[in-house]
Amino acid sequence: MDIQLIQGEFSAKDSLNIVGEMIRVKIRFHENAITHHSSEEDIKYRESKIKYLQEQMHELKNQLLQRGQKLSLHATITME
């Protein structure tokens, strides 16, 4: 099953907002999992994922603001 979440052209600002929200949702997912799991190994794994996502968000913001043009975004979730 495929769920198409994003399809189209967006301004740099709108692209940042859309992708940023998706990243923030994933960060909240990991933060919530940390509060419900006490395994030190799991916590360290999730903290590393959060840090990675935050770094990606920062890089995305820098790149999109420099480009300042419309972008084509496509995002599909594939469930197998």
PDB file of N, CA and C in Angstrom:
ATOM      1  N   MET A   1       0.844  -1.177   0.000  1.00  0.00           N
ATOM      2  CA  MET A   1       0.000   0.000   0.000  1.00  0.00           C
ATOM      3  C   MET A   1       0.887   1.236   0.000  1.00  0.00           C
ATOM      4  N   ASP A   2       0.559   2.207  -0.841  1.00  0.00           N
ATOM      5  CA  ASP A   2       1.281   3.466  -0.901  1.00  0.00           C
ATOM      6  C   ASP A   2       0.363   4.608  -0.479  1.00  0.00           C
ATOM      7  N   ILE A   3       0.914   5.526   0.293  1.00  0.00           N
ATOM      8  CA  ILE A   3       0.199   6.733   0.689  1.00  0.00           C
ATOM      9  C   ILE A   3       1.021   7.922   0.203  1.00  0.00           C
ATOM     10  N   GLN A   4       0.475   8.670  -0.732  1.00  0.00           N
ATOM     11  CA  GLN A   4       1.187   9.831  -1.251  1.00  0.00           C
ATOM     12  C   GLN A   4       0.891  11.020  -0.344  1.00  0.00           C
ATOM     13  N   LEU A   5       1.927  11.531   0.320  1.00  0.00           N
ATOM     14  CA  LEU A   5       1.763  12.632   1.252  1.00  0.00           C
ATOM     15  C   LEU A   5       1.975  13.992   0.603  1.00  0.00           C
ATOM     16  N   ILE A   6       2.956  14.078  -0.263  1.00  0.00           N
ATOM     17  CA  ILE A   6       3.309  15.363  -0.869  1.00  0.00           C
ATOM     18  C   ILE A   6       3.537  15.149  -2.358  1.00  0.00           C
ATOM     19  N   GLN A   7       2.992  16.058  -3.154  1.00  0.00           N
ATOM     20  CA  GLN A   7       3.185  15.991  -4.600  1.00  0.00           C
ATOM     21  C   GLN A   7       2.962  17.387  -5.152  1.00  0.00           C
ATOM     22  N   GLY A   8       4.025  18.037  -5.620  1.00  0.00           N
ATOM     23  CA  GLY A   8       3.832  19.332  -6.254  1.00  0.00           C
ATOM     24  C   GLY A   8       5.016  20.250  -6.110  1.00  0.00           C
ATOM     25  N   GLU A   9       4.826  21.479  -6.591  1.00  0.00           N
ATOM     26  CA  GLU A   9       5.852  22.504  -6.507  1.00  0.00           C
ATOM     27  C   GLU A   9       5.480  23.476  -5.399  1.00  0.00           C
ATOM     28  N   PHE A  10       6.487  23.856  -4.621  1.00  0.00           N
ATOM     29  CA  PHE A  10       6.275  24.723  -3.476  1.00  0.00           C
ATOM     30  C   PHE A  10       7.382  25.764  -3.422  1.00  0.00           C
ATOM     31  N   SER A  11       7.078  26.902  -2.823  1.00  0.00           N
ATOM     32  CA  SER A  11       8.112  27.910  -2.603  1.00  0.00           C
ATOM     33  C   SER A  11       9.119  27.344  -1.605  1.00  0.00           C
ATOM     34  N   ALA A  12      10.283  27.977  -1.527  1.00  0.00           N
ATOM     35  CA  ALA A  12      11.300  27.527  -0.574  1.00  0.00           C
ATOM     36  C   ALA A  12      10.757  27.586   0.848  1.00  0.00           C
ATOM     37  N   LYS A  13      10.024  28.649   1.159  1.00  0.00           N
ATOM     38  CA  LYS A  13       9.463  28.804   2.508  1.00  0.00           C
ATOM     39  C   LYS A  13       8.445  27.710   2.811  1.00  0.00           C
ATOM     40  N   ASP A  14       7.539  27.451   1.867  1.00  0.00           N
ATOM     41  CA  ASP A  14       6.541  26.398   2.074  1.00  0.00           C
ATOM     42  C   ASP A  14       7.196  25.019   2.142  1.00  0.00           C
ATOM     43  N   SER A  15       8.217  24.802   1.321  1.00  0.00           N
ATOM     44  CA  SER A  15       8.940  23.527   1.354  1.00  0.00           C
ATOM     45  C   SER A  15       9.571  23.310   2.717  1.00  0.00           C
ATOM     46  N   LEU A  16      10.175  24.364   3.253  1.00  0.00           N
ATOM     47  CA  LEU A  16      10.790  24.274   4.571  1.00  0.00           C
ATOM     48  C   LEU A  16       9.740  23.970   5.628  1.00  0.00           C
ATOM     49  N   ASN A  17       8.581  24.620   5.538  1.00  0.00           N
ATOM     50  CA  ASN A  17       7.516  24.367   6.512  1.00  0.00           C
ATOM     51  C   ASN A  17       7.002  22.934   6.429  1.00  0.00           C
ATOM     52  N   ILE A  18       6.780  22.453   5.222  1.00  0.00           N
ATOM     53  CA  ILE A  18       6.244  21.098   5.044  1.00  0.00           C
ATOM     54  C   ILE A  18       7.228  20.048   5.536  1.00  0.00           C
ATOM     55  N   VAL A  19       8.456  20.114   5.041  1.00  0.00           N
ATOM     56  CA  VAL A  19       9.458  19.114   5.420  1.00  0.00           C
ATOM     57  C   VAL A  19       9.819  19.265   6.893  1.00  0.00           C
ATOM     58  N   GLY A  20       9.878  20.499   7.355  1.00  0.00           N
ATOM     59  CA  GLY A  20      10.187  20.744   8.766  1.00  0.00           C
ATOM     60  C   GLY A  20       9.170  20.102   9.691  1.00  0.00           C
ATOM     61  N   GLU A  21       7.892  20.209   9.340  1.00  0.00           N
ATOM     62  CA  GLU A  21       6.854  19.575  10.157  1.00  0.00           C
ATOM     63  C   GLU A  21       7.005  18.058  10.171  1.00  0.00           C
ATOM     64  N   MET A  22       7.338  17.493   9.035  1.00  0.00           N
ATOM     65  CA  MET A  22       7.525  16.038   8.976  1.00  0.00           C
ATOM     66  C   MET A  22       8.700  15.618   9.869  1.00  0.00           C
ATOM     67  N   ILE A  23       9.769  16.382   9.841  1.00  0.00           N
ATOM     68  CA  ILE A  23      10.930  16.076  10.680  1.00  0.00           C
ATOM     69  C   ILE A  23      10.566  16.232  12.146  1.00  0.00           C
ATOM     70  N   ARG A  24       9.822  17.287  12.488  1.00  0.00           N
ATOM     71  CA  ARG A  24       9.432  17.502  13.888  1.00  0.00           C
ATOM     72  C   ARG A  24       8.545  16.362  14.392  1.00  0.00           C
ATOM     73  N   VAL A  25       7.678  15.845  13.539  1.00  0.00           N
ATOM     74  CA  VAL A  25       6.831  14.704  13.934  1.00  0.00           C
ATOM     75  C   VAL A  25       7.716  13.497  14.268  1.00  0.00           C
ATOM     76  N   LYS A  26       8.704  13.248  13.443  1.00  0.00           N
ATOM     77  CA  LYS A  26       9.596  12.105  13.672  1.00  0.00           C
ATOM     78  C   LYS A  26      10.409  12.309  14.952  1.00  0.00           C
ATOM     79  N   ILE A  27      10.857  13.540  15.211  1.00  0.00           N
ATOM     80  CA  ILE A  27      11.588  13.830  16.455  1.00  0.00           C
ATOM     81  C   ILE A  27      10.685  13.583  17.652  1.00  0.00           C
ATOM     82  N   ARG A  28       9.431  14.062  17.602  1.00  0.00           N
ATOM     83  CA  ARG A  28       8.502  13.830  18.717  1.00  0.00           C
ATOM     84  C   ARG A  28       8.259  12.340  18.934  1.00  0.00           C
ATOM     85  N   PHE A  29       8.202  11.567  17.847  1.00  0.00           N
ATOM     86  CA  PHE A  29       8.036  10.125  17.954  1.00  0.00           C
ATOM     87  C   PHE A  29       9.164   9.520  18.795  1.00  0.00           C
ATOM     88  N   HIS A  30      10.398   9.911  18.480  1.00  0.00           N
ATOM     89  CA  HIS A  30      11.549   9.383  19.226  1.00  0.00           C
ATOM     90  C   HIS A  30      11.564   9.893  20.664  1.00  0.00           C
ATOM     91  N   GLU A  31      11.199  11.150  20.871  1.00  0.00           N
ATOM     92  CA  GLU A  31      11.154  11.687  22.237  1.00  0.00           C
ATOM     93  C   GLU A  31      10.128  10.950  23.081  1.00  0.00           C
ATOM     94  N   ASN A  32       8.965  10.686  22.515  1.00  0.00           N
ATOM     95  CA  ASN A  32       7.934   9.943  23.239  1.00  0.00           C
ATOM     96  C   ASN A  32       8.385   8.517  23.537  1.00  0.00           C
ATOM     97  N   ALA A  33       9.079   7.903  22.601  1.00  0.00           N
ATOM     98  CA  ALA A  33       9.570   6.540  22.810  1.00  0.00           C
ATOM     99  C   ALA A  33      10.604   6.509  23.930  1.00  0.00           C
ATOM    100  N   ILE A  34      11.417   7.556  24.034  1.00  0.00           N
ATOM    101  CA  ILE A  34      12.419   7.620  25.101  1.00  0.00           C
ATOM    102  C   ILE A  34      11.733   7.633  26.464  1.00  0.00           C
ATOM    103  N   THR A  35      10.628   8.376  26.592  1.00  0.00           N
ATOM    104  CA  THR A  35       9.946   8.453  27.884  1.00  0.00           C
ATOM    105  C   THR A  35       9.264   7.136  28.256  1.00  0.00           C
ATOM    106  N   HIS A  36       9.010   6.285  27.264  1.00  0.00           N
ATOM    107  CA  HIS A  36       8.321   5.023  27.542  1.00  0.00           C
ATOM    108  C   HIS A  36       9.249   3.802  27.566  1.00  0.00           C
ATOM    109  N   HIS A  37      10.507   3.981  27.202  1.00  0.00           N
ATOM    110  CA  HIS A  37      11.458   2.873  27.212  1.00  0.00           C
ATOM    111  C   HIS A  37      12.614   3.234  28.125  1.00  0.00           C
ATOM    112  N   SER A  38      13.007   2.302  28.960  1.00  0.00           N
ATOM    113  CA  SER A  38      14.074   2.607  29.905  1.00  0.00           C
ATOM    114  C   SER A  38      15.411   1.993  29.522  1.00  0.00           C
ATOM    115  N   SER A  39      15.450   1.242  28.460  1.00  0.00           N
ATOM    116  CA  SER A  39      16.697   0.623  28.030  1.00  0.00           C
ATOM    117  C   SER A  39      17.699   1.710  27.636  1.00  0.00           C
ATOM    118  N   GLU A  40      18.863   1.671  28.241  1.00  0.00           N
ATOM    119  CA  GLU A  40      19.894   2.668  27.942  1.00  0.00           C
ATOM    120  C   GLU A  40      20.309   2.607  26.471  1.00  0.00           C
ATOM    121  N   GLU A  41      20.379   1.413  25.939  1.00  0.00           N
ATOM    122  CA  GLU A  41      20.753   1.233  24.530  1.00  0.00           C
ATOM    123  C   GLU A  41      19.714   1.866  23.602  1.00  0.00           C
ATOM    124  N   ASP A  42      18.443   1.648  23.921  1.00  0.00           N
ATOM    125  CA  ASP A  42      17.373   2.218  23.112  1.00  0.00           C
ATOM    126  C   ASP A  42      17.370   3.743  23.208  1.00  0.00           C
ATOM    127  N   ILE A  43      17.585   4.268  24.383  1.00  0.00           N
ATOM    128  CA  ILE A  43      17.617   5.716  24.576  1.00  0.00           C
ATOM    129  C   ILE A  43      18.755   6.339  23.778  1.00  0.00           C
ATOM    130  N   LYS A  44      19.926   5.735  23.836  1.00  0.00           N
ATOM    131  CA  LYS A  44      21.072   6.261  23.080  1.00  0.00           C
ATOM    132  C   LYS A  44      20.801   6.219  21.579  1.00  0.00           C
ATOM    133  N   TYR A  45      20.182   5.140  21.109  1.00  0.00           N
ATOM    134  CA  TYR A  45      19.843   5.022  19.696  1.00  0.00           C
ATOM    135  C   TYR A  45      18.890   6.147  19.282  1.00  0.00           C
ATOM    136  N   ARG A  46      17.858   6.340  20.064  1.00  0.00           N
ATOM    137  CA  ARG A  46      16.859   7.366  19.725  1.00  0.00           C
ATOM    138  C   ARG A  46      17.442   8.772  19.824  1.00  0.00           C
ATOM    139  N   GLU A  47      18.307   8.995  20.787  1.00  0.00           N
ATOM    140  CA  GLU A  47      18.956  10.304  20.897  1.00  0.00           C
ATOM    141  C   GLU A  47      19.827  10.578  19.678  1.00  0.00           C
ATOM    142  N   SER A  48      20.486   9.556  19.168  1.00  0.00           N
ATOM    143  CA  SER A  48      21.311   9.743  17.972  1.00  0.00           C
ATOM    144  C   SER A  48      20.429  10.035  16.754  1.00  0.00           C
ATOM    145  N   LYS A  49      19.266   9.393  16.680  1.00  0.00           N
ATOM    146  CA  LYS A  49      18.331   9.664  15.585  1.00  0.00           C
ATOM    147  C   LYS A  49      17.817  11.109  15.663  1.00  0.00           C
ATOM    148  N   ILE A  50      17.495  11.560  16.869  1.00  0.00           N
ATOM    149  CA  ILE A  50      17.022  12.930  17.055  1.00  0.00           C
ATOM    150  C   ILE A  50      18.102  13.923  16.635  1.00  0.00           C
ATOM    151  N   LYS A  51      19.327  13.687  17.059  1.00  0.00           N
ATOM    152  CA  LYS A  51      20.424  14.582  16.698  1.00  0.00           C
ATOM    153  C   LYS A  51      20.607  14.619  15.179  1.00  0.00           C
ATOM    154  N   TYR A  52      20.547  13.466  14.529  1.00  0.00           N
ATOM    155  CA  TYR A  52      20.674  13.391  13.077  1.00  0.00           C
ATOM    156  C   TYR A  52      19.562  14.205  12.395  1.00  0.00           C
ATOM    157  N   LEU A  53      18.328  14.028  12.847  1.00  0.00           N
ATOM    158  CA  LEU A  53      17.204  14.745  12.254  1.00  0.00           C
ATOM    159  C   LEU A  53      17.342  16.258  12.458  1.00  0.00           C
ATOM    160  N   GLN A  54      17.818  16.672  13.631  1.00  0.00           N
ATOM    161  CA  GLN A  54      18.024  18.094  13.885  1.00  0.00           C
ATOM    162  C   GLN A  54      19.102  18.658  12.955  1.00  0.00           C
ATOM    163  N   GLU A  55      20.158  17.902  12.741  1.00  0.00           N
ATOM    164  CA  GLU A  55      21.219  18.331  11.825  1.00  0.00           C
ATOM    165  C   GLU A  55      20.691  18.430  10.395  1.00  0.00           C
ATOM    166  N   GLN A  56      19.873  17.470   9.985  1.00  0.00           N
ATOM    167  CA  GLN A  56      19.296  17.496   8.649  1.00  0.00           C
ATOM    168  C   GLN A  56      18.372  18.706   8.483  1.00  0.00           C
ATOM    169  N   MET A  57      17.620  19.025   9.524  1.00  0.00           N
ATOM    170  CA  MET A  57      16.729  20.170   9.483  1.00  0.00           C
ATOM    171  C   MET A  57      17.524  21.463   9.324  1.00  0.00           C
ATOM    172  N   HIS A  58      18.614  21.576  10.056  1.00  0.00           N
ATOM    173  CA  HIS A  58      19.465  22.763   9.969  1.00  0.00           C
ATOM    174  C   HIS A  58      20.056  22.904   8.561  1.00  0.00           C
ATOM    175  N   GLU A  59      20.541  21.806   8.012  1.00  0.00           N
ATOM    176  CA  GLU A  59      21.112  21.823   6.668  1.00  0.00           C
ATOM    177  C   GLU A  59      20.041  22.157   5.626  1.00  0.00           C
ATOM    178  N   LEU A  60      18.877  21.580   5.772  1.00  0.00           N
ATOM    179  CA  LEU A  60      17.771  21.853   4.861  1.00  0.00           C
ATOM    180  C   LEU A  60      17.420  23.331   4.877  1.00  0.00           C
ATOM    181  N   LYS A  61      17.324  23.898   6.063  1.00  0.00           N
ATOM    182  CA  LYS A  61      16.981  25.314   6.197  1.00  0.00           C
ATOM    183  C   LYS A  61      18.001  26.190   5.478  1.00  0.00           C
ATOM    184  N   ASN A  62      19.280  25.913   5.689  1.00  0.00           N
ATOM    185  CA  ASN A  62      20.333  26.693   5.034  1.00  0.00           C
ATOM    186  C   ASN A  62      20.239  26.586   3.514  1.00  0.00           C
ATOM    187  N   GLN A  63      20.058  25.401   3.009  1.00  0.00           N
ATOM    188  CA  GLN A  63      20.016  25.196   1.557  1.00  0.00           C
ATOM    189  C   GLN A  63      18.776  25.825   0.923  1.00  0.00           C
ATOM    190  N   LEU A  64      17.623  25.660   1.560  1.00  0.00           N
ATOM    191  CA  LEU A  64      16.399  26.196   0.976  1.00  0.00           C
ATOM    192  C   LEU A  64      16.381  27.715   0.977  1.00  0.00           C
ATOM    193  N   LEU A  65      16.881  28.314   2.043  1.00  0.00           N
ATOM    194  CA  LEU A  65      16.879  29.763   2.112  1.00  0.00           C
ATOM    195  C   LEU A  65      17.866  30.370   1.117  1.00  0.00           C
ATOM    196  N   GLN A  66      18.932  29.653   0.798  1.00  0.00           N
ATOM    197  CA  GLN A  66      19.885  30.129  -0.195  1.00  0.00           C
ATOM    198  C   GLN A  66      19.298  30.034  -1.600  1.00  0.00           C
ATOM    199  N   ARG A  67      18.543  28.989  -1.860  1.00  0.00           N
ATOM    200  CA  ARG A  67      17.994  28.774  -3.208  1.00  0.00           C
ATOM    201  C   ARG A  67      16.896  29.769  -3.515  1.00  0.00           C
ATOM    202  N   GLY A  68      15.963  29.916  -2.607  1.00  0.00           N
ATOM    203  CA  GLY A  68      14.886  30.872  -2.771  1.00  0.00           C
ATOM    204  C   GLY A  68      14.021  30.680  -4.002  1.00  0.00           C
ATOM    205  N   GLN A  69      13.926  29.490  -4.508  1.00  0.00           N
ATOM    206  CA  GLN A  69      13.113  29.245  -5.697  1.00  0.00           C
ATOM    207  C   GLN A  69      12.124  28.132  -5.411  1.00  0.00           C
ATOM    208  N   LYS A  70      11.228  27.907  -6.357  1.00  0.00           N
ATOM    209  CA  LYS A  70      10.249  26.821  -6.194  1.00  0.00           C
ATOM    210  C   LYS A  70      10.950  25.470  -6.275  1.00  0.00           C
ATOM    211  N   LEU A  71      10.430  24.555  -5.476  1.00  0.00           N
ATOM    212  CA  LEU A  71      10.986  23.207  -5.433  1.00  0.00           C
ATOM    213  C   LEU A  71       9.886  22.197  -5.697  1.00  0.00           C
ATOM    214  N   SER A  72      10.261  21.117  -6.315  1.00  0.00           N
ATOM    215  CA  SER A  72       9.348  20.011  -6.539  1.00  0.00           C
ATOM    216  C   SER A  72       9.544  19.015  -5.396  1.00  0.00           C
ATOM    217  N   LEU A  73       8.478  18.772  -4.652  1.00  0.00           N
ATOM    218  CA  LEU A  73       8.531  17.832  -3.532  1.00  0.00           C
ATOM    219  C   LEU A  73       7.646  16.629  -3.817  1.00  0.00           C
ATOM    220  N   HIS A  74       8.158  15.459  -3.492  1.00  0.00           N
ATOM    221  CA  HIS A  74       7.424  14.213  -3.638  1.00  0.00           C
ATOM    222  C   HIS A  74       7.710  13.360  -2.407  1.00  0.00           C
ATOM    223  N   ALA A  75       6.690  12.920  -1.719  1.00  0.00           N
ATOM    224  CA  ALA A  75       6.875  12.049  -0.570  1.00  0.00           C
ATOM    225  C   ALA A  75       5.763  10.998  -0.558  1.00  0.00           C
ATOM    226  N   THR A  76       6.191   9.762  -0.568  1.00  0.00           N
ATOM    227  CA  THR A  76       5.251   8.645  -0.540  1.00  0.00           C
ATOM    228  C   THR A  76       5.691   7.667   0.534  1.00  0.00           C
ATOM    229  N   ILE A  77       4.757   7.195   1.303  1.00  0.00           N
ATOM    230  CA  ILE A  77       5.011   6.138   2.278  1.00  0.00           C
ATOM    231  C   ILE A  77       4.604   4.824   1.629  1.00  0.00           C
ATOM    232  N   THR A  78       5.524   3.875   1.610  1.00  0.00           N
ATOM    233  CA  THR A  78       5.238   2.561   1.068  1.00  0.00           C
ATOM    234  C   THR A  78       5.213   1.566   2.220  1.00  0.00           C
ATOM    235  N   MET A  79       4.097   0.900   2.378  1.00  0.00           N
ATOM    236  CA  MET A  79       3.961  -0.102   3.439  1.00  0.00           C
ATOM    237  C   MET A  79       3.937  -1.472   2.789  1.00  0.00           C
ATOM    238  N   GLU A  80       4.844  -2.320   3.212  1.00  0.00           N
ATOM    239  CA  GLU A  80       4.954  -3.661   2.628  1.00  0.00           C
ATOM    240  C   GLU A  80       4.634  -4.712   3.659  1.00  0.00           C
TER     241      GLU A  80
END
